[in-house]
């Protein structure tokens, strides 16, 4: 009797498993055999595109070579590039180091001209008006040539008061006061 119960339990388990497998098949696929349901995923795998005989938009109608074409050799008949304008040559008369600040208020300068914060100008206590000075920011090495057109600054430790445009060129507008190296220049 015990063996009959075990055999009938195994039979019930097999029937339940097959019923569950049939229920797992989609309602539209009930006519397909069980082997066809397993073959479906292989049919869904993507296949490679066949080669195209007409050019695609990306190819622009031409064939691509694996390497770029060599640059054409320069001949004597080819025009030479135009020379750049030469910057004026300067000779350094004297140099030094100090701190520089900047100002931007519109006012009359000691030279008699109206101050323009967008010009590359500066104020110095003693240099002659119209002097050219190369100012280099010691923090970043950027430099600018300014024209002296005003007197000042009158704060201790500072020797130059730059216009806002000049200070922007040397990258110091965020700091307000920067250490600089200056060179008084004479055109050669």
C-alpha atoms as a PDB file:
ATOM      1  CA  UNK A   1       0.000   0.000   0.000  1.00  0.00           C
ATOM      2  CA  UNK A   2       2.810   2.307   0.793  1.00  0.00           C
ATOM      3  CA  UNK A   3       4.314   1.865  -2.672  1.00  0.00           C
ATOM      4  CA  UNK A   4       0.952   2.672  -4.280  1.00  0.00           C
ATOM      5  CA  UNK A   5       0.770   5.943  -2.379  1.00  0.00           C
ATOM      6  CA  UNK A   6       4.300   6.886  -3.418  1.00  0.00           C
ATOM      7  CA  UNK A   7       3.611   6.027  -7.065  1.00  0.00           C
ATOM      8  CA  UNK A   8       0.371   8.019  -7.110  1.00  0.00           C
ATOM      9  CA  UNK A   9       2.160  11.031  -5.480  1.00  0.00           C
ATOM     10  CA  UNK A  10       4.811  10.983  -8.181  1.00  0.00           C
ATOM     11  CA  UNK A  11       2.132  10.813 -10.878  1.00  0.00           C
ATOM     12  CA  UNK A  12       0.297  13.804  -9.380  1.00  0.00           C
ATOM     13  CA  UNK A  13       3.558  15.794  -9.285  1.00  0.00           C
ATOM     14  CA  UNK A  14       4.285  15.032 -12.960  1.00  0.00           C
ATOM     15  CA  UNK A  15       0.749  16.076 -13.967  1.00  0.00           C
ATOM     16  CA  UNK A  16       1.004  19.320 -11.965  1.00  0.00           C
ATOM     17  CA  UNK A  17       4.344  20.190 -13.566  1.00  0.00           C
ATOM     18  CA  UNK A  18       2.997  19.604 -17.076  1.00  0.00           C
ATOM     19  CA  UNK A  19      -0.124  21.680 -16.321  1.00  0.00           C
ATOM     20  CA  UNK A  20       2.063  24.508 -15.052  1.00  0.00           C
ATOM     21  CA  UNK A  21       4.197  24.363 -18.222  1.00  0.00           C
ATOM     22  CA  UNK A  22       1.076  24.586 -20.411  1.00  0.00           C
ATOM     23  CA  UNK A  23      -0.252  27.535 -18.392  1.00  0.00           C
ATOM     24  CA  UNK A  24       3.049  29.382 -18.879  1.00  0.00           C
ATOM     25  CA  UNK A  25       2.563  29.426 -22.666  1.00  0.00           C
ATOM     26  CA  UNK A  26       0.894  32.670 -23.873  1.00  0.00           C
ATOM     27  CA  UNK A  27      -2.800  32.370 -24.782  1.00  0.00           C
ATOM     28  CA  UNK A  28      -2.083  33.008 -28.485  1.00  0.00           C
ATOM     29  CA  UNK A  29       0.667  30.354 -28.498  1.00  0.00           C
ATOM     30  CA  UNK A  30      -1.499  27.487 -27.196  1.00  0.00           C
ATOM     31  CA  UNK A  31      -1.543  25.850 -30.621  1.00  0.00           C
ATOM     32  CA  UNK A  32       2.259  25.696 -30.767  1.00  0.00           C
ATOM     33  CA  UNK A  33       3.988  22.572 -29.550  1.00  0.00           C
ATOM     34  CA  UNK A  34       6.233  22.795 -26.477  1.00  0.00           C
ATOM     35  CA  UNK A  35       9.416  22.504 -28.563  1.00  0.00           C
ATOM     36  CA  UNK A  36       8.448  25.561 -30.642  1.00  0.00           C
ATOM     37  CA  UNK A  37       8.202  27.747 -27.527  1.00  0.00           C
ATOM     38  CA  UNK A  38      11.842  27.070 -26.747  1.00  0.00           C
ATOM     39  CA  UNK A  39      12.960  27.757 -30.323  1.00  0.00           C
ATOM     40  CA  UNK A  40      11.392  31.252 -30.346  1.00  0.00           C
ATOM     41  CA  UNK A  41      14.242  33.078 -28.535  1.00  0.00           C
ATOM     42  CA  UNK A  42      16.770  31.944 -31.137  1.00  0.00           C
ATOM     43  CA  UNK A  43      14.573  33.449 -33.876  1.00  0.00           C
ATOM     44  CA  UNK A  44      14.562  36.809 -32.037  1.00  0.00           C
ATOM     45  CA  UNK A  45      18.350  37.206 -32.077  1.00  0.00           C
ATOM     46  CA  UNK A  46      19.408  40.103 -34.333  1.00  0.00           C
ATOM     47  CA  UNK A  47      21.078  39.333 -37.591  1.00  0.00           C
ATOM     48  CA  UNK A  48      23.745  41.413 -39.305  1.00  0.00           C
ATOM     49  CA  UNK A  49      22.596  43.963 -41.897  1.00  0.00           C
ATOM     50  CA  UNK A  50      23.295  42.940 -45.459  1.00  0.00           C
ATOM     51  CA  UNK A  51      25.916  45.066 -47.246  1.00  0.00           C
ATOM     52  CA  UNK A  52      24.499  48.221 -48.835  1.00  0.00           C
ATOM     53  CA  UNK A  53      25.020  48.917 -52.499  1.00  0.00           C
ATOM     54  CA  UNK A  54      23.974  52.578 -52.273  1.00  0.00           C
ATOM     55  CA  UNK A  55      25.851  55.030 -50.074  1.00  0.00           C
ATOM     56  CA  UNK A  56      24.351  55.947 -46.736  1.00  0.00           C
ATOM     57  CA  UNK A  57      24.063  59.474 -45.394  1.00  0.00           C
ATOM     58  CA  UNK A  58      27.111  59.037 -43.155  1.00  0.00           C
ATOM     59  CA  UNK A  59      29.356  58.027 -46.023  1.00  0.00           C
ATOM     60  CA  UNK A  60      28.532  61.176 -48.054  1.00  0.00           C
ATOM     61  CA  UNK A  61      28.633  59.130 -51.238  1.00  0.00           C
ATOM     62  CA  UNK A  62      32.358  58.462 -51.286  1.00  0.00           C
ATOM     63  CA  UNK A  63      34.482  55.619 -50.144  1.00  0.00           C
ATOM     64  CA  UNK A  64      36.668  56.077 -47.128  1.00  0.00           C
ATOM     65  CA  UNK A  65      40.311  55.287 -47.168  1.00  0.00           C
ATOM     66  CA  UNK A  66      41.815  53.851 -43.994  1.00  0.00           C
ATOM     67  CA  UNK A  67      44.385  56.687 -43.756  1.00  0.00           C
ATOM     68  CA  UNK A  68      44.088  60.419 -44.416  1.00  0.00           C
ATOM     69  CA  UNK A  69      45.534  61.625 -47.705  1.00  0.00           C
ATOM     70  CA  UNK A  70      49.076  63.002 -47.520  1.00  0.00           C
ATOM     71  CA  UNK A  71      49.446  66.766 -47.347  1.00  0.00           C
ATOM     72  CA  UNK A  72      50.370  68.299 -50.670  1.00  0.00           C
ATOM     73  CA  UNK A  73      54.033  69.209 -50.988  1.00  0.00           C
ATOM     74  CA  UNK A  74      54.757  72.907 -50.996  1.00  0.00           C
ATOM     75  CA  UNK A  75      56.170  74.218 -54.212  1.00  0.00           C
ATOM     76  CA  UNK A  76      58.030  77.427 -54.930  1.00  0.00           C
ATOM     77  CA  UNK A  77      55.024  78.783 -56.803  1.00  0.00           C
ATOM     78  CA  UNK A  78      52.791  78.552 -53.707  1.00  0.00           C
ATOM     79  CA  UNK A  79      52.232  81.923 -52.048  1.00  0.00           C
ATOM     80  CA  UNK A  80      54.110  82.496 -48.839  1.00  0.00           C
ATOM     81  CA  UNK A  81      52.125  83.358 -45.736  1.00  0.00           C
ATOM     82  CA  UNK A  82      51.924  87.064 -44.992  1.00  0.00           C
ATOM     83  CA  UNK A  83      54.336  88.183 -42.293  1.00  0.00           C
ATOM     84  CA  UNK A  84      52.750  89.231 -39.034  1.00  0.00           C
ATOM     85  CA  UNK A  85      52.959  92.827 -37.990  1.00  0.00           C
ATOM     86  CA  UNK A  86      56.035  93.340 -35.905  1.00  0.00           C
ATOM     87  CA  UNK A  87      55.417  94.581 -32.426  1.00  0.00           C
ATOM     88  CA  UNK A  88      57.406  97.662 -31.560  1.00  0.00           C
ATOM     89  CA  UNK A  89      60.772  96.822 -30.054  1.00  0.00           C
ATOM     90  CA  UNK A  90      61.410  98.290 -26.645  1.00  0.00           C
ATOM     91  CA  UNK A  91      64.481  98.774 -24.526  1.00  0.00           C
ATOM     92  CA  UNK A  92      64.119  98.493 -20.741  1.00  0.00           C
ATOM     93  CA  UNK A  93      65.212 101.701 -19.002  1.00  0.00           C
ATOM     94  CA  UNK A  94      64.582 100.532 -15.439  1.00  0.00           C
ATOM     95  CA  UNK A  95      62.581  97.931 -13.580  1.00  0.00           C
ATOM     96  CA  UNK A  96      61.332  97.099 -10.127  1.00  0.00           C
ATOM     97  CA  UNK A  97      58.709  95.320  -8.054  1.00  0.00           C
ATOM     98  CA  UNK A  98      55.775  96.562  -6.017  1.00  0.00           C
ATOM     99  CA  UNK A  99      52.063  96.080  -5.540  1.00  0.00           C
ATOM    100  CA  UNK A 100      49.529  97.348  -8.041  1.00  0.00           C
ATOM    101  CA  UNK A 101      45.860  98.165  -7.604  1.00  0.00           C
ATOM    102  CA  UNK A 102      43.238  99.265 -10.116  1.00  0.00           C
ATOM    103  CA  UNK A 103      40.537 101.869 -10.435  1.00  0.00           C
ATOM    104  CA  UNK A 104      37.524 102.292 -12.670  1.00  0.00           C
ATOM    105  CA  UNK A 105      35.770 105.559 -11.728  1.00  0.00           C
ATOM    106  CA  UNK A 106      35.338 108.060 -14.548  1.00  0.00           C
ATOM    107  CA  UNK A 107      37.301 111.207 -13.672  1.00  0.00           C
ATOM    108  CA  UNK A 108      39.801 113.620 -15.139  1.00  0.00           C
ATOM    109  CA  UNK A 109      43.402 112.403 -15.114  1.00  0.00           C
ATOM    110  CA  UNK A 110      46.502 114.437 -14.242  1.00  0.00           C
ATOM    111  CA  UNK A 111      47.397 114.499 -17.949  1.00  0.00           C
ATOM    112  CA  UNK A 112      44.160 116.393 -18.712  1.00  0.00           C
ATOM    113  CA  UNK A 113      42.384 113.574 -20.536  1.00  0.00           C
ATOM    114  CA  UNK A 114      39.218 111.905 -19.315  1.00  0.00           C
ATOM    115  CA  UNK A 115      39.871 108.538 -17.632  1.00  0.00           C
ATOM    116  CA  UNK A 116      38.605 105.553 -19.652  1.00  0.00           C
ATOM    117  CA  UNK A 117      38.603 102.242 -17.703  1.00  0.00           C
ATOM    118  CA  UNK A 118      38.610 100.250 -20.975  1.00  0.00           C
ATOM    119  CA  UNK A 119      41.998 101.645 -22.116  1.00  0.00           C
ATOM    120  CA  UNK A 120      45.369 100.201 -21.114  1.00  0.00           C
ATOM    121  CA  UNK A 121      46.506 103.065 -18.896  1.00  0.00           C
ATOM    122  CA  UNK A 122      47.984 103.474 -15.432  1.00  0.00           C
ATOM    123  CA  UNK A 123      48.832 106.013 -12.758  1.00  0.00           C
ATOM    124  CA  UNK A 124      52.361 106.441 -11.332  1.00  0.00           C
ATOM    125  CA  UNK A 125      53.692 109.037  -8.885  1.00  0.00           C
ATOM    126  CA  UNK A 126      56.783 110.203 -10.779  1.00  0.00           C
ATOM    127  CA  UNK A 127      57.089 108.742 -14.301  1.00  0.00           C
ATOM    128  CA  UNK A 128      56.589 111.227 -17.155  1.00  0.00           C
ATOM    129  CA  UNK A 129      53.135 111.288 -18.783  1.00  0.00           C
ATOM    130  CA  UNK A 130      52.986 109.072 -21.847  1.00  0.00           C
ATOM    131  CA  UNK A 131      55.655 106.633 -20.561  1.00  0.00           C
ATOM    132  CA  UNK A 132      55.184 103.007 -21.536  1.00  0.00           C
ATOM    133  CA  UNK A 133      55.453 100.430 -18.743  1.00  0.00           C
ATOM    134  CA  UNK A 134      55.295  96.634 -19.005  1.00  0.00           C
ATOM    135  CA  UNK A 135      53.478  95.289 -15.943  1.00  0.00           C
ATOM    136  CA  UNK A 136      53.790  91.559 -15.152  1.00  0.00           C
ATOM    137  CA  UNK A 137      51.647  89.795 -12.557  1.00  0.00           C
ATOM    138  CA  UNK A 138      54.049  87.799 -10.357  1.00  0.00           C
ATOM    139  CA  UNK A 139      51.311  85.295  -9.464  1.00  0.00           C
ATOM    140  CA  UNK A 140      50.626  84.072 -13.008  1.00  0.00           C
ATOM    141  CA  UNK A 141      53.264  85.624 -15.318  1.00  0.00           C
ATOM    142  CA  UNK A 142      50.747  87.496 -17.501  1.00  0.00           C
ATOM    143  CA  UNK A 143      51.831  90.940 -18.660  1.00  0.00           C
ATOM    144  CA  UNK A 144      50.486  94.078 -20.335  1.00  0.00           C
ATOM    145  CA  UNK A 145      52.012  97.324 -21.623  1.00  0.00           C
ATOM    146  CA  UNK A 146      50.300 100.419 -20.247  1.00  0.00           C
ATOM    147  CA  UNK A 147      50.636 104.157 -20.864  1.00  0.00           C
ATOM    148  CA  UNK A 148      51.076 106.454 -17.860  1.00  0.00           C
ATOM    149  CA  UNK A 149      48.399 109.173 -17.936  1.00  0.00           C
ATOM    150  CA  UNK A 150      47.683 109.895 -14.259  1.00  0.00           C
ATOM    151  CA  UNK A 151      49.314 110.386 -10.862  1.00  0.00           C
ATOM    152  CA  UNK A 152      48.962 108.009  -7.950  1.00  0.00           C
ATOM    153  CA  UNK A 153      48.382 105.669  -6.218  1.00  0.00           C
ATOM    154  CA  UNK A 154      48.467 107.250  -2.802  1.00  0.00           C
ATOM    155  CA  UNK A 155      48.093 104.073  -0.733  1.00  0.00           C
ATOM    156  CA  UNK A 156      51.259 102.795   0.961  1.00  0.00           C
ATOM    157  CA  UNK A 157      53.309 100.061  -0.743  1.00  0.00           C
ATOM    158  CA  UNK A 158      51.718 100.540  -4.155  1.00  0.00           C
ATOM    159  CA  UNK A 159      53.544 102.035  -7.113  1.00  0.00           C
ATOM    160  CA  UNK A 160      50.972 101.580  -9.905  1.00  0.00           C
ATOM    161  CA  UNK A 161      47.248 102.111 -10.214  1.00  0.00           C
ATOM    162  CA  UNK A 162      46.090 100.275 -13.336  1.00  0.00           C
ATOM    163  CA  UNK A 163      42.920 100.820 -15.328  1.00  0.00           C
ATOM    164  CA  UNK A 164      40.327  98.054 -15.068  1.00  0.00           C
ATOM    165  CA  UNK A 165      41.176  96.798 -18.598  1.00  0.00           C
ATOM    166  CA  UNK A 166      44.898  96.580 -17.778  1.00  0.00           C
ATOM    167  CA  UNK A 167      44.246  94.748 -14.516  1.00  0.00           C
ATOM    168  CA  UNK A 168      41.946  92.335 -16.359  1.00  0.00           C
ATOM    169  CA  UNK A 169      44.722  91.573 -18.894  1.00  0.00           C
ATOM    170  CA  UNK A 170      47.102  90.533 -16.115  1.00  0.00           C
ATOM    171  CA  UNK A 171      44.367  88.572 -14.323  1.00  0.00           C
ATOM    172  CA  UNK A 172      44.128  90.472 -11.061  1.00  0.00           C
ATOM    173  CA  UNK A 173      40.639  91.998 -10.915  1.00  0.00           C
ATOM    174  CA  UNK A 174      39.482  89.389  -8.405  1.00  0.00           C
ATOM    175  CA  UNK A 175      42.273  90.195  -5.964  1.00  0.00           C
ATOM    176  CA  UNK A 176      42.182  94.008  -6.113  1.00  0.00           C
ATOM    177  CA  UNK A 177      45.877  94.329  -5.212  1.00  0.00           C
ATOM    178  CA  UNK A 178      48.537  92.108  -6.800  1.00  0.00           C
ATOM    179  CA  UNK A 179      52.339  91.839  -6.660  1.00  0.00           C
ATOM    180  CA  UNK A 180      53.839  93.011  -9.959  1.00  0.00           C
ATOM    181  CA  UNK A 181      57.154  93.429 -11.692  1.00  0.00           C
ATOM    182  CA  UNK A 182      57.310  96.563 -13.836  1.00  0.00           C
ATOM    183  CA  UNK A 183      59.671  97.651 -16.608  1.00  0.00           C
ATOM    184  CA  UNK A 184      59.841 101.226 -17.883  1.00  0.00           C
ATOM    185  CA  UNK A 185      60.244 100.973 -21.664  1.00  0.00           C
ATOM    186  CA  UNK A 186      61.680 103.145 -24.417  1.00  0.00           C
ATOM    187  CA  UNK A 187      60.892 102.460 -28.047  1.00  0.00           C
ATOM    188  CA  UNK A 188      63.993 101.569 -30.076  1.00  0.00           C
END
